[in-house]
């Protein structure tokens, strides 16, 4: 019986990590700029979340 040792496998593929990192950067930028423009913190968080979702969807299709 052969056991697969999955402890050495990466949690995410390189492509997934890059897509999520790009989304995180876009979300942080959108949230910070929205907050700096004078909007409440909750509005800035919602703007960051929307930017994250849109950027991940775009980057997923753009990076092949």
PDB file of N, CA and C in Angstrom:
ATOM      1  N   UNK A   1       0.836  -1.168   0.000  1.00  0.00           N
ATOM      2  CA  UNK A   1       0.000   0.000   0.000  1.00  0.00           C
ATOM      3  C   UNK A   1       0.892   1.247   0.000  1.00  0.00           C
ATOM      4  N   UNK A   2       0.696   2.101  -0.969  1.00  0.00           N
ATOM      5  CA  UNK A   2       1.492   3.306  -1.112  1.00  0.00           C
ATOM      6  C   UNK A   2       0.686   4.502  -0.625  1.00  0.00           C
ATOM      7  N   UNK A   3       1.266   5.268   0.287  1.00  0.00           N
ATOM      8  CA  UNK A   3       0.587   6.462   0.784  1.00  0.00           C
ATOM      9  C   UNK A   3       1.137   7.679   0.064  1.00  0.00           C
ATOM     10  N   UNK A   4       0.249   8.539  -0.355  1.00  0.00           N
ATOM     11  CA  UNK A   4       0.668   9.787  -0.980  1.00  0.00           C
ATOM     12  C   UNK A   4       0.938  10.820   0.105  1.00  0.00           C
ATOM     13  N   UNK A   5       2.144  11.330   0.134  1.00  0.00           N
ATOM     14  CA  UNK A   5       2.493  12.361   1.110  1.00  0.00           C
ATOM     15  C   UNK A   5       2.173  13.722   0.500  1.00  0.00           C
ATOM     16  N   UNK A   6       1.049  14.290   0.891  1.00  0.00           N
ATOM     17  CA  UNK A   6       0.602  15.557   0.328  1.00  0.00           C
ATOM     18  C   UNK A   6       1.124  16.755   1.102  1.00  0.00           C
ATOM     19  N   UNK A   7       1.948  16.511   2.114  1.00  0.00           N
ATOM     20  CA  UNK A   7       2.438  17.625   2.917  1.00  0.00           C
ATOM     21  C   UNK A   7       3.448  18.481   2.151  1.00  0.00           C
ATOM     22  N   UNK A   8       4.022  17.953   1.102  1.00  0.00           N
ATOM     23  CA  UNK A   8       5.004  18.698   0.330  1.00  0.00           C
ATOM     24  C   UNK A   8       4.395  19.427  -0.864  1.00  0.00           C
ATOM     25  N   UNK A   9       3.121  19.198  -1.136  1.00  0.00           N
ATOM     26  CA  UNK A   9       2.464  19.861  -2.258  1.00  0.00           C
ATOM     27  C   UNK A   9       2.087  21.295  -1.873  1.00  0.00           C
ATOM     28  N   UNK A  10       2.157  22.217  -2.820  1.00  0.00           N
ATOM     29  CA  UNK A  10       1.745  23.593  -2.504  1.00  0.00           C
ATOM     30  C   UNK A  10       0.236  23.680  -2.302  1.00  0.00           C
ATOM     31  N   UNK A  11      -0.169  24.615  -1.458  1.00  0.00           N
ATOM     32  CA  UNK A  11      -1.585  24.800  -1.180  1.00  0.00           C
ATOM     33  C   UNK A  11      -2.314  25.353  -2.393  1.00  0.00           C
ATOM     34  N   UNK A  12      -1.675  26.291  -3.094  1.00  0.00           N
ATOM     35  CA  UNK A  12      -2.225  26.888  -4.310  1.00  0.00           C
ATOM     36  C   UNK A  12      -1.219  26.738  -5.438  1.00  0.00           C
ATOM     37  N   UNK A  13      -1.739  26.692  -6.651  1.00  0.00           N
ATOM     38  CA  UNK A  13      -0.823  26.700  -7.786  1.00  0.00           C
ATOM     39  C   UNK A  13      -0.252  28.106  -7.943  1.00  0.00           C
ATOM     40  N   UNK A  14       0.808  28.218  -8.701  1.00  0.00           N
ATOM     41  CA  UNK A  14       1.434  29.522  -8.916  1.00  0.00           C
ATOM     42  C   UNK A  14       0.465  30.477  -9.598  1.00  0.00           C
ATOM     43  N   UNK A  15      -0.299  29.986 -10.560  1.00  0.00           N
ATOM     44  CA  UNK A  15      -1.266  30.827 -11.278  1.00  0.00           C
ATOM     45  C   UNK A  15      -2.333  31.365 -10.325  1.00  0.00           C
ATOM     46  N   UNK A  16      -2.851  30.507  -9.460  1.00  0.00           N
ATOM     47  CA  UNK A  16      -3.867  30.949  -8.501  1.00  0.00           C
ATOM     48  C   UNK A  16      -3.307  31.977  -7.530  1.00  0.00           C
ATOM     49  N   UNK A  17      -2.094  31.766  -7.081  1.00  0.00           N
ATOM     50  CA  UNK A  17      -1.470  32.718  -6.159  1.00  0.00           C
ATOM     51  C   UNK A  17      -1.281  34.076  -6.817  1.00  0.00           C
ATOM     52  N   UNK A  18      -0.872  34.094  -8.073  1.00  0.00           N
ATOM     53  CA  UNK A  18      -0.685  35.361  -8.785  1.00  0.00           C
ATOM     54  C   UNK A  18      -2.019  36.064  -8.988  1.00  0.00           C
ATOM     55  N   UNK A  19      -3.055  35.316  -9.358  1.00  0.00           N
ATOM     56  CA  UNK A  19      -4.379  35.912  -9.565  1.00  0.00           C
ATOM     57  C   UNK A  19      -4.899  36.523  -8.264  1.00  0.00           C
ATOM     58  N   UNK A  20      -4.780  35.801  -7.153  1.00  0.00           N
ATOM     59  CA  UNK A  20      -5.253  36.330  -5.876  1.00  0.00           C
ATOM     60  C   UNK A  20      -4.419  37.512  -5.401  1.00  0.00           C
ATOM     61  N   UNK A  21      -3.127  37.502  -5.668  1.00  0.00           N
ATOM     62  CA  UNK A  21      -2.276  38.623  -5.284  1.00  0.00           C
ATOM     63  C   UNK A  21      -2.637  39.877  -6.061  1.00  0.00           C
ATOM     64  N   UNK A  22      -2.891  39.739  -7.344  1.00  0.00           N
ATOM     65  CA  UNK A  22      -3.320  40.887  -8.151  1.00  0.00           C
ATOM     66  C   UNK A  22      -4.660  41.413  -7.635  1.00  0.00           C
ATOM     67  N   UNK A  23      -5.576  40.513  -7.316  1.00  0.00           N
ATOM     68  CA  UNK A  23      -6.866  40.924  -6.765  1.00  0.00           C
ATOM     69  C   UNK A  23      -6.734  41.625  -5.428  1.00  0.00           C
ATOM     70  N   UNK A  24      -5.836  41.136  -4.587  1.00  0.00           N
ATOM     71  CA  UNK A  24      -5.617  41.757  -3.278  1.00  0.00           C
ATOM     72  C   UNK A  24      -5.038  43.157  -3.419  1.00  0.00           C
ATOM     73  N   UNK A  25      -4.119  43.326  -4.349  1.00  0.00           N
ATOM     74  CA  UNK A  25      -3.539  44.648  -4.563  1.00  0.00           C
ATOM     75  C   UNK A  25      -4.577  45.632  -5.095  1.00  0.00           C
ATOM     76  N   UNK A  26      -5.417  45.190  -6.009  1.00  0.00           N
ATOM     77  CA  UNK A  26      -6.458  46.063  -6.546  1.00  0.00           C
ATOM     78  C   UNK A  26      -7.478  46.418  -5.466  1.00  0.00           C
ATOM     79  N   UNK A  27      -7.817  45.454  -4.627  1.00  0.00           N
ATOM     80  CA  UNK A  27      -8.769  45.704  -3.552  1.00  0.00           C
ATOM     81  C   UNK A  27      -8.211  46.704  -2.542  1.00  0.00           C
ATOM     82  N   UNK A  28      -6.943  46.552  -2.193  1.00  0.00           N
ATOM     83  CA  UNK A  28      -6.324  47.482  -1.243  1.00  0.00           C
ATOM     84  C   UNK A  28      -6.268  48.889  -1.820  1.00  0.00           C
ATOM     85  N   UNK A  29      -5.910  48.997  -3.093  1.00  0.00           N
ATOM     86  CA  UNK A  29      -5.848  50.318  -3.719  1.00  0.00           C
ATOM     87  C   UNK A  29      -7.222  50.964  -3.784  1.00  0.00           C
ATOM     88  N   UNK A  30      -8.222  50.205  -4.196  1.00  0.00           N
ATOM     89  CA  UNK A  30      -9.576  50.761  -4.296  1.00  0.00           C
ATOM     90  C   UNK A  30     -10.120  51.149  -2.928  1.00  0.00           C
ATOM     91  N   UNK A  31      -9.892  50.310  -1.929  1.00  0.00           N
ATOM     92  CA  UNK A  31     -10.365  50.620  -0.587  1.00  0.00           C
ATOM     93  C   UNK A  31      -9.684  51.841   0.002  1.00  0.00           C
ATOM     94  N   UNK A  32      -8.377  51.929  -0.158  1.00  0.00           N
ATOM     95  CA  UNK A  32      -7.640  53.083   0.372  1.00  0.00           C
ATOM     96  C   UNK A  32      -8.035  54.378  -0.328  1.00  0.00           C
ATOM     97  N   UNK A  33      -8.164  54.322  -1.641  1.00  0.00           N
ATOM     98  CA  UNK A  33      -8.552  55.532  -2.375  1.00  0.00           C
ATOM     99  C   UNK A  33      -9.978  55.961  -2.051  1.00  0.00           C
ATOM    100  N   UNK A  34     -10.859  55.003  -1.865  1.00  0.00           N
ATOM    101  CA  UNK A  34     -12.240  55.341  -1.502  1.00  0.00           C
ATOM    102  C   UNK A  34     -12.293  55.969  -0.117  1.00  0.00           C
ATOM    103  N   UNK A  35     -11.534  55.409   0.824  1.00  0.00           N
ATOM    104  CA  UNK A  35     -11.498  55.966   2.177  1.00  0.00           C
ATOM    105  C   UNK A  35     -10.846  57.350   2.186  1.00  0.00           C
ATOM    106  N   UNK A  36      -9.799  57.519   1.389  1.00  0.00           N
ATOM    107  CA  UNK A  36      -9.109  58.807   1.329  1.00  0.00           C
ATOM    108  C   UNK A  36      -9.978  59.890   0.696  1.00  0.00           C
ATOM    109  N   UNK A  37     -10.948  59.480  -0.110  1.00  0.00           N
ATOM    110  CA  UNK A  37     -11.845  60.445  -0.743  1.00  0.00           C
ATOM    111  C   UNK A  37     -12.920  60.941   0.220  1.00  0.00           C
ATOM    112  N   UNK A  38     -12.954  60.388   1.425  1.00  0.00           N
ATOM    113  CA  UNK A  38     -13.884  60.879   2.427  1.00  0.00           C
ATOM    114  C   UNK A  38     -15.087  59.985   2.664  1.00  0.00           C
ATOM    115  N   UNK A  39     -15.114  58.816   2.062  1.00  0.00           N
ATOM    116  CA  UNK A  39     -16.225  57.893   2.275  1.00  0.00           C
ATOM    117  C   UNK A  39     -16.046  57.158   3.599  1.00  0.00           C
ATOM    118  N   UNK A  40     -17.131  56.658   4.170  1.00  0.00           N
ATOM    119  CA  UNK A  40     -17.005  55.880   5.415  1.00  0.00           C
ATOM    120  C   UNK A  40     -16.215  54.587   5.188  1.00  0.00           C
ATOM    121  N   UNK A  41     -15.719  54.015   6.280  1.00  0.00           N
ATOM    122  CA  UNK A  41     -14.903  52.808   6.206  1.00  0.00           C
ATOM    123  C   UNK A  41     -15.684  51.638   5.607  1.00  0.00           C
ATOM    124  N   UNK A  42     -16.960  51.517   5.933  1.00  0.00           N
ATOM    125  CA  UNK A  42     -17.762  50.418   5.391  1.00  0.00           C
ATOM    126  C   UNK A  42     -17.891  50.531   3.871  1.00  0.00           C
ATOM    127  N   UNK A  43     -18.047  51.738   3.379  1.00  0.00           N
ATOM    128  CA  UNK A  43     -18.135  51.943   1.934  1.00  0.00           C
ATOM    129  C   UNK A  43     -16.815  51.600   1.259  1.00  0.00           C
ATOM    130  N   UNK A  44     -15.719  51.958   1.889  1.00  0.00           N
ATOM    131  CA  UNK A  44     -14.405  51.636   1.342  1.00  0.00           C
ATOM    132  C   UNK A  44     -14.175  50.129   1.317  1.00  0.00           C
ATOM    133  N   UNK A  45     -14.639  49.441   2.351  1.00  0.00           N
ATOM    134  CA  UNK A  45     -14.501  47.984   2.386  1.00  0.00           C
ATOM    135  C   UNK A  45     -15.339  47.329   1.286  1.00  0.00           C
ATOM    136  N   UNK A  46     -16.531  47.829   1.063  1.00  0.00           N
ATOM    137  CA  UNK A  46     -17.365  47.295  -0.011  1.00  0.00           C
ATOM    138  C   UNK A  46     -16.750  47.566  -1.382  1.00  0.00           C
ATOM    139  N   UNK A  47     -16.175  48.729  -1.557  1.00  0.00           N
ATOM    140  CA  UNK A  47     -15.506  49.047  -2.822  1.00  0.00           C
ATOM    141  C   UNK A  47     -14.308  48.131  -3.033  1.00  0.00           C
ATOM    142  N   UNK A  48     -13.561  47.859  -1.980  1.00  0.00           N
ATOM    143  CA  UNK A  48     -12.424  46.943  -2.076  1.00  0.00           C
ATOM    144  C   UNK A  48     -12.855  45.526  -2.408  1.00  0.00           C
ATOM    145  N   UNK A  49     -13.950  45.087  -1.808  1.00  0.00           N
ATOM    146  CA  UNK A  49     -14.470  43.749  -2.103  1.00  0.00           C
ATOM    147  C   UNK A  49     -14.934  43.619  -3.540  1.00  0.00           C
ATOM    148  N   UNK A  50     -15.595  44.640  -4.023  1.00  0.00           N
ATOM    149  CA  UNK A  50     -16.042  44.627  -5.414  1.00  0.00           C
ATOM    150  C   UNK A  50     -14.856  44.651  -6.371  1.00  0.00           C
ATOM    151  N   UNK A  51     -13.845  45.429  -6.035  1.00  0.00           N
ATOM    152  CA  UNK A  51     -12.647  45.478  -6.877  1.00  0.00           C
ATOM    153  C   UNK A  51     -11.926  44.130  -6.870  1.00  0.00           C
ATOM    154  N   UNK A  52     -11.896  43.474  -5.722  1.00  0.00           N
ATOM    155  CA  UNK A  52     -11.261  42.161  -5.642  1.00  0.00           C
ATOM    156  C   UNK A  52     -11.969  41.156  -6.550  1.00  0.00           C
ATOM    157  N   UNK A  53     -13.278  41.101  -6.454  1.00  0.00           N
ATOM    158  CA  UNK A  53     -14.036  40.155  -7.271  1.00  0.00           C
ATOM    159  C   UNK A  53     -13.880  40.409  -8.759  1.00  0.00           C
ATOM    160  N   UNK A  54     -13.965  41.656  -9.146  1.00  0.00           N
ATOM    161  CA  UNK A  54     -13.843  41.993 -10.565  1.00  0.00           C
ATOM    162  C   UNK A  54     -12.437  41.727 -11.082  1.00  0.00           C
ATOM    163  N   UNK A  55     -11.437  42.037 -10.270  1.00  0.00           N
ATOM    164  CA  UNK A  55     -10.060  41.832 -10.702  1.00  0.00           C
ATOM    165  C   UNK A  55      -9.708  40.356 -10.796  1.00  0.00           C
ATOM    166  N   UNK A  56     -10.184  39.562  -9.849  1.00  0.00           N
ATOM    167  CA  UNK A  56      -9.916  38.123  -9.906  1.00  0.00           C
ATOM    168  C   UNK A  56     -10.593  37.510 -11.130  1.00  0.00           C
ATOM    169  N   UNK A  57     -11.814  37.920 -11.420  1.00  0.00           N
ATOM    170  CA  UNK A  57     -12.500  37.399 -12.600  1.00  0.00           C
ATOM    171  C   UNK A  57     -11.766  37.786 -13.884  1.00  0.00           C
ATOM    172  N   UNK A  58     -11.286  39.023 -13.941  1.00  0.00           N
ATOM    173  CA  UNK A  58     -10.558  39.457 -15.133  1.00  0.00           C
ATOM    174  C   UNK A  58      -9.203  38.789 -15.250  1.00  0.00           C
ATOM    175  N   UNK A  59      -8.449  38.748 -14.142  1.00  0.00           N
ATOM    176  CA  UNK A  59      -7.103  38.174 -14.180  1.00  0.00           C
ATOM    177  C   UNK A  59      -7.145  36.680 -14.461  1.00  0.00           C
ATOM    178  N   UNK A  60      -8.187  36.012 -13.975  1.00  0.00           N
ATOM    179  CA  UNK A  60      -8.325  34.576 -14.226  1.00  0.00           C
ATOM    180  C   UNK A  60      -8.452  34.277 -15.704  1.00  0.00           C
ATOM    181  N   UNK A  61      -9.182  35.138 -16.414  1.00  0.00           N
ATOM    182  CA  UNK A  61      -9.340  34.907 -17.840  1.00  0.00           C
ATOM    183  C   UNK A  61      -8.163  35.467 -18.649  1.00  0.00           C
ATOM    184  N   UNK A  62      -7.491  36.476 -18.123  1.00  0.00           N
ATOM    185  CA  UNK A  62      -6.398  37.101 -18.870  1.00  0.00           C
ATOM    186  C   UNK A  62      -5.086  36.324 -18.743  1.00  0.00           C
ATOM    187  N   UNK A  63      -4.844  35.719 -17.574  1.00  0.00           N
ATOM    188  CA  UNK A  63      -3.606  34.984 -17.368  1.00  0.00           C
ATOM    189  C   UNK A  63      -3.866  33.520 -17.725  1.00  0.00           C
ATOM    190  N   UNK A  64      -3.206  33.074 -18.773  1.00  0.00           N
ATOM    191  CA  UNK A  64      -3.433  31.690 -19.201  1.00  0.00           C
ATOM    192  C   UNK A  64      -2.228  30.814 -19.065  1.00  0.00           C
TER     193      UNK A  64
END
